[in-house]
């Protein structure tokens, strides 16, 4: 839970820093969100493995990564919803341009997109990191003295 909250704080802080430089409407800068998410998930799985020791299983690490990513995604999406609906209602129109008018959709579609994007990146990153952290099934070499 700690790493999910810290990751969400990192995502929010990054958005606010980018907004400070008036670059928050540049959608390509969102790629760094993936780096922040990856770092949070990596650290949470690493910590879980360190705490579990020999009891660490693939399932434990996978659930830890999913929990961290989903929690961060939900917190960040709630923040963005508050930002888009209450603090800066013009933001969705600037980001989506004429798409909102042509297809008659509101800012809720952006929040939904954030949720889907966060969930997908969480699953992919967790699966990726678990390749590094999963317990090995390799047999230990024993030296046989004849």
N, C-alpha and C. Protein backbone atom coordinates (compact mmCIF):
# COMPACT_ATOMS: atom_id res chain seq x y z
N UNK A 1 0.84 -1.19 0.00
CA UNK A 1 0.00 0.00 0.00
C UNK A 1 0.88 1.26 0.00
N UNK A 2 1.96 1.19 0.74
CA UNK A 2 2.86 2.34 0.84
C UNK A 2 3.40 2.73 -0.54
N UNK A 3 3.84 1.75 -1.31
CA UNK A 3 4.42 2.05 -2.61
C UNK A 3 3.37 2.52 -3.61
N UNK A 4 2.15 2.05 -3.48
CA UNK A 4 1.07 2.54 -4.34
C UNK A 4 0.79 4.01 -4.10
N UNK A 5 0.77 4.40 -2.84
CA UNK A 5 0.53 5.80 -2.49
C UNK A 5 1.71 6.67 -2.92
N UNK A 6 2.93 6.18 -2.68
CA UNK A 6 4.12 6.94 -3.07
C UNK A 6 4.17 7.10 -4.59
N UNK A 7 3.83 6.04 -5.32
CA UNK A 7 3.81 6.12 -6.78
C UNK A 7 2.77 7.13 -7.25
N UNK A 8 1.60 7.12 -6.63
CA UNK A 8 0.56 8.09 -6.99
C UNK A 8 1.02 9.52 -6.70
N UNK A 9 1.69 9.71 -5.58
CA UNK A 9 2.22 11.04 -5.25
C UNK A 9 3.25 11.46 -6.31
N UNK A 10 4.07 10.52 -6.74
CA UNK A 10 5.05 10.81 -7.79
C UNK A 10 4.37 11.21 -9.09
N UNK A 11 3.31 10.50 -9.46
CA UNK A 11 2.57 10.83 -10.68
C UNK A 11 1.92 12.22 -10.59
N UNK A 12 1.33 12.50 -9.44
CA UNK A 12 0.68 13.80 -9.24
C UNK A 12 1.73 14.91 -9.24
N UNK A 13 2.85 14.68 -8.56
CA UNK A 13 3.91 15.69 -8.51
C UNK A 13 4.46 15.96 -9.91
N UNK A 14 4.66 14.91 -10.69
CA UNK A 14 5.15 15.08 -12.05
C UNK A 14 4.17 15.91 -12.88
N UNK A 15 2.87 15.61 -12.76
CA UNK A 15 1.87 16.38 -13.49
C UNK A 15 1.91 17.86 -13.09
N UNK A 16 2.02 18.11 -11.79
CA UNK A 16 2.04 19.50 -11.32
C UNK A 16 3.31 20.23 -11.75
N UNK A 17 4.43 19.53 -11.78
CA UNK A 17 5.68 20.15 -12.25
C UNK A 17 5.57 20.48 -13.74
N UNK A 18 5.03 19.55 -14.52
CA UNK A 18 4.86 19.79 -15.95
C UNK A 18 3.88 20.95 -16.16
N UNK A 19 2.84 21.02 -15.33
CA UNK A 19 1.87 22.11 -15.42
C UNK A 19 2.53 23.44 -15.07
N UNK A 20 3.44 23.41 -14.13
CA UNK A 20 4.15 24.62 -13.73
C UNK A 20 4.88 25.25 -14.93
N UNK A 21 5.40 24.41 -15.82
CA UNK A 21 6.08 24.89 -17.02
C UNK A 21 5.12 25.00 -18.21
N UNK A 22 3.83 24.86 -17.95
CA UNK A 22 2.77 24.98 -18.94
C UNK A 22 2.93 23.98 -20.09
N UNK A 23 3.39 22.79 -19.75
CA UNK A 23 3.55 21.72 -20.74
C UNK A 23 2.57 20.57 -20.49
N UNK A 24 1.61 20.78 -19.61
CA UNK A 24 0.69 19.70 -19.22
C UNK A 24 -0.26 19.29 -20.34
N UNK A 25 -0.36 20.08 -21.38
CA UNK A 25 -1.22 19.72 -22.50
C UNK A 25 -0.48 18.90 -23.56
N UNK A 26 0.83 18.74 -23.40
CA UNK A 26 1.64 17.95 -24.30
C UNK A 26 1.52 16.47 -23.90
N UNK A 27 0.79 15.70 -24.70
CA UNK A 27 0.49 14.32 -24.31
C UNK A 27 1.71 13.40 -24.40
N UNK A 28 2.73 13.77 -25.14
CA UNK A 28 3.91 12.91 -25.23
C UNK A 28 4.69 12.88 -23.92
N UNK A 29 4.55 13.90 -23.11
CA UNK A 29 5.23 13.91 -21.81
C UNK A 29 4.63 12.90 -20.84
N UNK A 30 3.48 12.34 -21.19
CA UNK A 30 2.86 11.32 -20.33
C UNK A 30 3.66 10.03 -20.33
N UNK A 31 4.57 9.87 -21.28
CA UNK A 31 5.38 8.67 -21.32
C UNK A 31 6.20 8.50 -20.04
N UNK A 32 6.58 9.61 -19.43
CA UNK A 32 7.34 9.53 -18.18
C UNK A 32 6.49 8.98 -17.04
N UNK A 33 5.16 9.05 -17.17
CA UNK A 33 4.29 8.40 -16.17
C UNK A 33 4.60 6.92 -16.08
N UNK A 34 4.90 6.30 -17.23
CA UNK A 34 5.25 4.88 -17.24
C UNK A 34 6.53 4.60 -16.48
N UNK A 35 7.48 5.51 -16.56
CA UNK A 35 8.73 5.36 -15.82
C UNK A 35 8.47 5.44 -14.32
N UNK A 36 7.65 6.39 -13.92
CA UNK A 36 7.30 6.53 -12.51
C UNK A 36 6.57 5.29 -12.01
N UNK A 37 5.62 4.81 -12.80
CA UNK A 37 4.87 3.60 -12.44
C UNK A 37 5.80 2.40 -12.35
N UNK A 38 6.69 2.27 -13.32
CA UNK A 38 7.63 1.14 -13.33
C UNK A 38 8.51 1.17 -12.10
N UNK A 39 8.99 2.32 -11.74
CA UNK A 39 9.85 2.45 -10.57
C UNK A 39 9.12 2.04 -9.29
N UNK A 40 7.88 2.49 -9.14
CA UNK A 40 7.09 2.15 -7.95
C UNK A 40 6.80 0.66 -7.86
N UNK A 41 6.41 0.05 -8.98
CA UNK A 41 6.11 -1.39 -8.99
C UNK A 41 7.38 -2.19 -8.72
N UNK A 42 8.48 -1.79 -9.36
CA UNK A 42 9.76 -2.49 -9.16
C UNK A 42 10.16 -2.48 -7.68
N UNK A 43 10.10 -1.30 -7.07
CA UNK A 43 10.49 -1.19 -5.66
C UNK A 43 9.58 -1.99 -4.74
N UNK A 44 8.28 -2.03 -5.04
CA UNK A 44 7.36 -2.76 -4.17
C UNK A 44 7.61 -4.27 -4.25
N UNK A 45 7.86 -4.78 -5.45
CA UNK A 45 8.14 -6.22 -5.60
C UNK A 45 9.48 -6.56 -4.96
N UNK A 46 10.45 -5.68 -5.15
CA UNK A 46 11.77 -5.90 -4.55
C UNK A 46 11.68 -5.94 -3.03
N UNK A 47 10.92 -5.04 -2.47
CA UNK A 47 10.75 -5.00 -1.01
C UNK A 47 10.02 -6.25 -0.52
N UNK A 48 8.98 -6.66 -1.24
CA UNK A 48 8.23 -7.86 -0.85
C UNK A 48 9.15 -9.08 -0.87
N UNK A 49 10.00 -9.16 -1.88
CA UNK A 49 10.93 -10.29 -1.97
C UNK A 49 11.92 -10.27 -0.81
N UNK A 50 12.42 -9.08 -0.46
CA UNK A 50 13.37 -8.95 0.63
C UNK A 50 12.74 -9.33 1.97
N UNK A 51 11.49 -8.92 2.16
CA UNK A 51 10.80 -9.24 3.42
C UNK A 51 10.40 -10.71 3.51
N UNK A 52 10.04 -11.31 2.38
CA UNK A 52 9.57 -12.70 2.39
C UNK A 52 10.72 -13.71 2.43
N UNK A 53 11.86 -13.33 1.89
CA UNK A 53 13.00 -14.25 1.87
C UNK A 53 12.70 -15.50 1.06
N UNK A 54 12.91 -16.66 1.67
CA UNK A 54 12.69 -17.93 0.98
C UNK A 54 11.21 -18.24 0.77
N UNK A 55 10.33 -17.54 1.46
CA UNK A 55 8.90 -17.77 1.32
C UNK A 55 8.29 -16.99 0.15
N UNK A 56 9.11 -16.24 -0.57
CA UNK A 56 8.62 -15.44 -1.69
C UNK A 56 8.20 -16.36 -2.83
N UNK A 57 6.99 -16.12 -3.33
CA UNK A 57 6.48 -16.90 -4.46
C UNK A 57 6.13 -15.95 -5.60
N UNK A 58 5.98 -16.53 -6.76
CA UNK A 58 5.59 -15.74 -7.94
C UNK A 58 4.26 -15.04 -7.67
N UNK A 59 3.34 -15.77 -7.08
CA UNK A 59 2.01 -15.23 -6.78
C UNK A 59 2.12 -14.01 -5.86
N UNK A 60 2.92 -14.10 -4.80
CA UNK A 60 3.07 -12.99 -3.85
C UNK A 60 3.60 -11.74 -4.56
N UNK A 61 4.62 -11.93 -5.39
CA UNK A 61 5.20 -10.80 -6.10
C UNK A 61 4.23 -10.21 -7.12
N UNK A 62 3.52 -11.08 -7.81
CA UNK A 62 2.57 -10.62 -8.82
C UNK A 62 1.45 -9.81 -8.19
N UNK A 63 0.91 -10.31 -7.09
CA UNK A 63 -0.17 -9.59 -6.40
C UNK A 63 0.35 -8.26 -5.86
N UNK A 64 1.55 -8.24 -5.35
CA UNK A 64 2.14 -7.00 -4.84
C UNK A 64 2.26 -5.96 -5.94
N UNK A 65 2.76 -6.37 -7.11
CA UNK A 65 2.88 -5.44 -8.23
C UNK A 65 1.54 -4.91 -8.71
N UNK A 66 0.57 -5.83 -8.82
CA UNK A 66 -0.77 -5.40 -9.24
C UNK A 66 -1.40 -4.44 -8.25
N UNK A 67 -1.28 -4.76 -6.99
CA UNK A 67 -1.88 -3.92 -5.95
C UNK A 67 -1.25 -2.52 -5.98
N UNK A 68 0.07 -2.46 -6.09
CA UNK A 68 0.76 -1.18 -6.13
C UNK A 68 0.30 -0.35 -7.33
N UNK A 69 0.30 -0.96 -8.50
CA UNK A 69 -0.07 -0.24 -9.72
C UNK A 69 -1.52 0.18 -9.75
N UNK A 70 -2.41 -0.71 -9.34
CA UNK A 70 -3.83 -0.37 -9.35
C UNK A 70 -4.15 0.74 -8.36
N UNK A 71 -3.54 0.68 -7.18
CA UNK A 71 -3.78 1.72 -6.18
C UNK A 71 -3.27 3.07 -6.69
N UNK A 72 -2.07 3.09 -7.26
CA UNK A 72 -1.53 4.33 -7.81
C UNK A 72 -2.41 4.86 -8.94
N UNK A 73 -2.89 3.97 -9.79
CA UNK A 73 -3.75 4.37 -10.91
C UNK A 73 -5.05 4.97 -10.42
N UNK A 74 -5.67 4.36 -9.44
CA UNK A 74 -6.94 4.86 -8.92
C UNK A 74 -6.76 6.23 -8.27
N UNK A 75 -5.72 6.38 -7.45
CA UNK A 75 -5.49 7.66 -6.78
C UNK A 75 -5.20 8.75 -7.81
N UNK A 76 -4.35 8.45 -8.80
CA UNK A 76 -4.02 9.45 -9.82
C UNK A 76 -5.23 9.79 -10.67
N UNK A 77 -6.06 8.81 -10.99
CA UNK A 77 -7.27 9.06 -11.79
C UNK A 77 -8.26 9.93 -11.03
N UNK A 78 -8.39 9.71 -9.73
CA UNK A 78 -9.27 10.56 -8.92
C UNK A 78 -8.75 12.00 -8.91
N UNK A 79 -7.43 12.14 -8.74
CA UNK A 79 -6.84 13.48 -8.79
C UNK A 79 -7.12 14.15 -10.13
N UNK A 80 -6.90 13.42 -11.22
CA UNK A 80 -7.12 14.00 -12.55
C UNK A 80 -8.60 14.32 -12.79
N UNK A 81 -9.49 13.51 -12.26
CA UNK A 81 -10.92 13.80 -12.39
C UNK A 81 -11.27 15.10 -11.68
N UNK A 82 -10.75 15.26 -10.48
CA UNK A 82 -10.99 16.51 -9.74
C UNK A 82 -10.41 17.69 -10.51
N UNK A 83 -9.21 17.48 -11.06
CA UNK A 83 -8.57 18.56 -11.82
C UNK A 83 -9.39 18.92 -13.05
N UNK A 84 -9.84 17.90 -13.80
CA UNK A 84 -10.55 18.16 -15.05
C UNK A 84 -11.97 18.67 -14.85
N UNK A 85 -12.65 18.19 -13.83
CA UNK A 85 -14.05 18.58 -13.63
C UNK A 85 -14.19 19.87 -12.82
N UNK A 86 -13.24 20.14 -11.91
CA UNK A 86 -13.43 21.26 -11.00
C UNK A 86 -12.37 22.35 -11.11
N UNK A 87 -11.11 21.98 -11.25
CA UNK A 87 -10.05 22.98 -11.22
C UNK A 87 -9.76 23.60 -12.58
N UNK A 88 -9.82 22.81 -13.64
CA UNK A 88 -9.52 23.32 -14.98
C UNK A 88 -10.42 22.62 -16.01
N UNK A 89 -11.68 23.01 -16.08
CA UNK A 89 -12.61 22.35 -17.00
C UNK A 89 -12.25 22.52 -18.48
N UNK A 90 -11.38 23.46 -18.82
CA UNK A 90 -10.97 23.65 -20.21
C UNK A 90 -9.89 22.65 -20.62
N UNK A 91 -9.24 22.03 -19.67
CA UNK A 91 -8.13 21.11 -19.96
C UNK A 91 -8.53 19.97 -20.90
N UNK A 92 -9.64 19.25 -20.67
CA UNK A 92 -10.00 18.16 -21.59
C UNK A 92 -10.20 18.63 -23.03
N UNK A 93 -10.80 19.80 -23.19
CA UNK A 93 -11.02 20.33 -24.54
C UNK A 93 -9.70 20.64 -25.23
N UNK A 94 -8.74 21.16 -24.49
CA UNK A 94 -7.43 21.47 -25.08
C UNK A 94 -6.68 20.20 -25.45
N UNK A 95 -6.80 19.16 -24.63
CA UNK A 95 -6.09 17.92 -24.90
C UNK A 95 -6.74 17.14 -26.03
N UNK A 96 -8.07 17.08 -26.03
CA UNK A 96 -8.78 16.26 -27.01
C UNK A 96 -9.20 17.02 -28.26
N UNK A 97 -9.09 18.33 -28.21
CA UNK A 97 -9.42 19.13 -29.39
C UNK A 97 -10.87 18.96 -29.83
N UNK A 98 -11.09 18.84 -31.12
CA UNK A 98 -12.42 18.71 -31.68
C UNK A 98 -13.06 17.35 -31.45
N UNK A 99 -12.29 16.41 -30.99
CA UNK A 99 -12.81 15.06 -30.76
C UNK A 99 -13.99 15.07 -29.81
N UNK A 100 -13.92 15.92 -28.78
CA UNK A 100 -15.02 15.99 -27.80
C UNK A 100 -16.30 16.51 -28.46
N UNK A 101 -16.17 17.48 -29.35
CA UNK A 101 -17.35 18.03 -30.02
C UNK A 101 -17.89 17.06 -31.07
N UNK A 102 -17.00 16.48 -31.85
CA UNK A 102 -17.42 15.62 -32.96
C UNK A 102 -18.11 14.34 -32.46
N UNK A 103 -17.63 13.79 -31.39
CA UNK A 103 -18.20 12.53 -30.90
C UNK A 103 -19.06 12.71 -29.66
N UNK A 104 -19.24 13.95 -29.24
CA UNK A 104 -20.09 14.30 -28.11
C UNK A 104 -19.76 13.48 -26.86
N UNK A 105 -18.49 13.51 -26.49
CA UNK A 105 -18.04 12.85 -25.26
C UNK A 105 -17.49 13.92 -24.33
N UNK A 106 -17.48 13.60 -23.07
CA UNK A 106 -17.01 14.54 -22.07
C UNK A 106 -15.66 14.13 -21.49
N UNK A 107 -15.25 14.83 -20.46
CA UNK A 107 -13.96 14.54 -19.85
C UNK A 107 -13.90 13.17 -19.17
N UNK A 108 -15.06 12.58 -18.95
CA UNK A 108 -15.08 11.26 -18.33
C UNK A 108 -14.35 10.22 -19.17
N UNK A 109 -14.34 10.44 -20.48
CA UNK A 109 -13.63 9.50 -21.35
C UNK A 109 -12.12 9.57 -21.09
N UNK A 110 -11.61 10.73 -20.72
CA UNK A 110 -10.19 10.84 -20.37
C UNK A 110 -9.88 10.11 -19.07
N UNK A 111 -10.77 10.22 -18.11
CA UNK A 111 -10.58 9.51 -16.84
C UNK A 111 -10.63 8.01 -17.09
N UNK A 112 -11.57 7.57 -17.89
CA UNK A 112 -11.66 6.15 -18.23
C UNK A 112 -10.38 5.69 -18.95
N UNK A 113 -9.89 6.51 -19.85
CA UNK A 113 -8.65 6.20 -20.55
C UNK A 113 -7.47 6.08 -19.60
N UNK A 114 -7.41 6.98 -18.62
CA UNK A 114 -6.35 6.89 -17.61
C UNK A 114 -6.42 5.59 -16.83
N UNK A 115 -7.64 5.20 -16.47
CA UNK A 115 -7.81 3.94 -15.73
C UNK A 115 -7.37 2.73 -16.56
N UNK A 116 -7.78 2.70 -17.82
CA UNK A 116 -7.40 1.58 -18.69
C UNK A 116 -5.89 1.57 -18.93
N UNK A 117 -5.34 2.74 -19.21
CA UNK A 117 -3.90 2.85 -19.46
C UNK A 117 -3.10 2.42 -18.22
N UNK A 118 -3.53 2.86 -17.06
CA UNK A 118 -2.85 2.49 -15.81
C UNK A 118 -2.94 1.01 -15.52
N UNK A 119 -4.14 0.43 -15.75
CA UNK A 119 -4.31 -1.01 -15.50
C UNK A 119 -3.46 -1.84 -16.45
N UNK A 120 -3.45 -1.45 -17.72
CA UNK A 120 -2.66 -2.20 -18.71
C UNK A 120 -1.17 -2.11 -18.41
N UNK A 121 -0.69 -0.91 -18.11
CA UNK A 121 0.74 -0.77 -17.82
C UNK A 121 1.11 -1.50 -16.53
N UNK A 122 0.20 -1.53 -15.57
CA UNK A 122 0.46 -2.25 -14.33
C UNK A 122 0.64 -3.74 -14.59
N UNK A 123 -0.24 -4.34 -15.36
CA UNK A 123 -0.14 -5.77 -15.65
C UNK A 123 1.14 -6.06 -16.43
N UNK A 124 1.42 -5.27 -17.45
CA UNK A 124 2.61 -5.50 -18.28
C UNK A 124 3.89 -5.33 -17.46
N UNK A 125 3.97 -4.27 -16.69
CA UNK A 125 5.16 -4.03 -15.88
C UNK A 125 5.35 -5.10 -14.82
N UNK A 126 4.26 -5.53 -14.19
CA UNK A 126 4.36 -6.56 -13.17
C UNK A 126 4.84 -7.87 -13.77
N UNK A 127 4.27 -8.25 -14.90
CA UNK A 127 4.72 -9.47 -15.57
C UNK A 127 6.20 -9.37 -15.96
N UNK A 128 6.61 -8.21 -16.41
CA UNK A 128 8.00 -8.01 -16.80
C UNK A 128 8.95 -8.12 -15.61
N UNK A 129 8.61 -7.44 -14.53
CA UNK A 129 9.50 -7.45 -13.37
C UNK A 129 9.52 -8.81 -12.67
N UNK A 130 8.43 -9.54 -12.76
CA UNK A 130 8.42 -10.86 -12.11
C UNK A 130 9.35 -11.84 -12.81
N UNK A 131 9.74 -11.56 -14.04
CA UNK A 131 10.74 -12.41 -14.69
C UNK A 131 12.09 -12.29 -13.99
N UNK A 132 12.33 -11.13 -13.43
CA UNK A 132 13.57 -10.92 -12.67
C UNK A 132 13.47 -11.46 -11.25
N UNK A 133 12.31 -11.28 -10.63
CA UNK A 133 12.18 -11.59 -9.21
C UNK A 133 11.65 -13.00 -8.91
N UNK A 134 11.15 -13.70 -9.89
CA UNK A 134 10.55 -15.00 -9.60
C UNK A 134 11.61 -15.96 -9.05
N UNK A 135 11.18 -16.83 -8.16
CA UNK A 135 12.13 -17.81 -7.63
C UNK A 135 12.61 -18.74 -8.74
N UNK A 136 13.87 -19.06 -8.70
CA UNK A 136 14.46 -19.91 -9.72
C UNK A 136 14.11 -21.37 -9.46
N UNK A 137 13.88 -22.11 -10.52
CA UNK A 137 13.64 -23.54 -10.41
C UNK A 137 14.89 -24.33 -10.78
N UNK A 138 15.97 -23.60 -11.02
CA UNK A 138 17.22 -24.28 -11.36
C UNK A 138 17.74 -25.05 -10.16
N UNK A 139 18.20 -26.23 -10.40
CA UNK A 139 18.76 -27.03 -9.32
C UNK A 139 20.14 -26.50 -8.99
N UNK A 140 20.46 -26.52 -7.71
CA UNK A 140 21.78 -26.07 -7.30
C UNK A 140 22.80 -27.13 -7.68
N UNK A 141 23.92 -26.67 -8.17
CA UNK A 141 24.98 -27.60 -8.52
C UNK A 141 25.64 -28.11 -7.26
N UNK A 142 25.84 -29.38 -7.23
CA UNK A 142 26.54 -29.98 -6.10
C UNK A 142 27.83 -30.61 -6.63
N UNK A 143 28.83 -30.40 -5.89
CA UNK A 143 30.09 -31.00 -6.32
C UNK A 143 30.17 -32.42 -5.76
N UNK A 144 30.36 -33.34 -6.64
CA UNK A 144 30.45 -34.72 -6.17
C UNK A 144 31.91 -35.12 -6.12
N UNK A 145 32.28 -35.58 -4.97
CA UNK A 145 33.66 -36.01 -4.77
C UNK A 145 33.70 -37.52 -4.83
N UNK A 146 34.46 -38.00 -5.76
CA UNK A 146 34.50 -39.44 -5.96
C UNK A 146 35.70 -40.05 -5.30
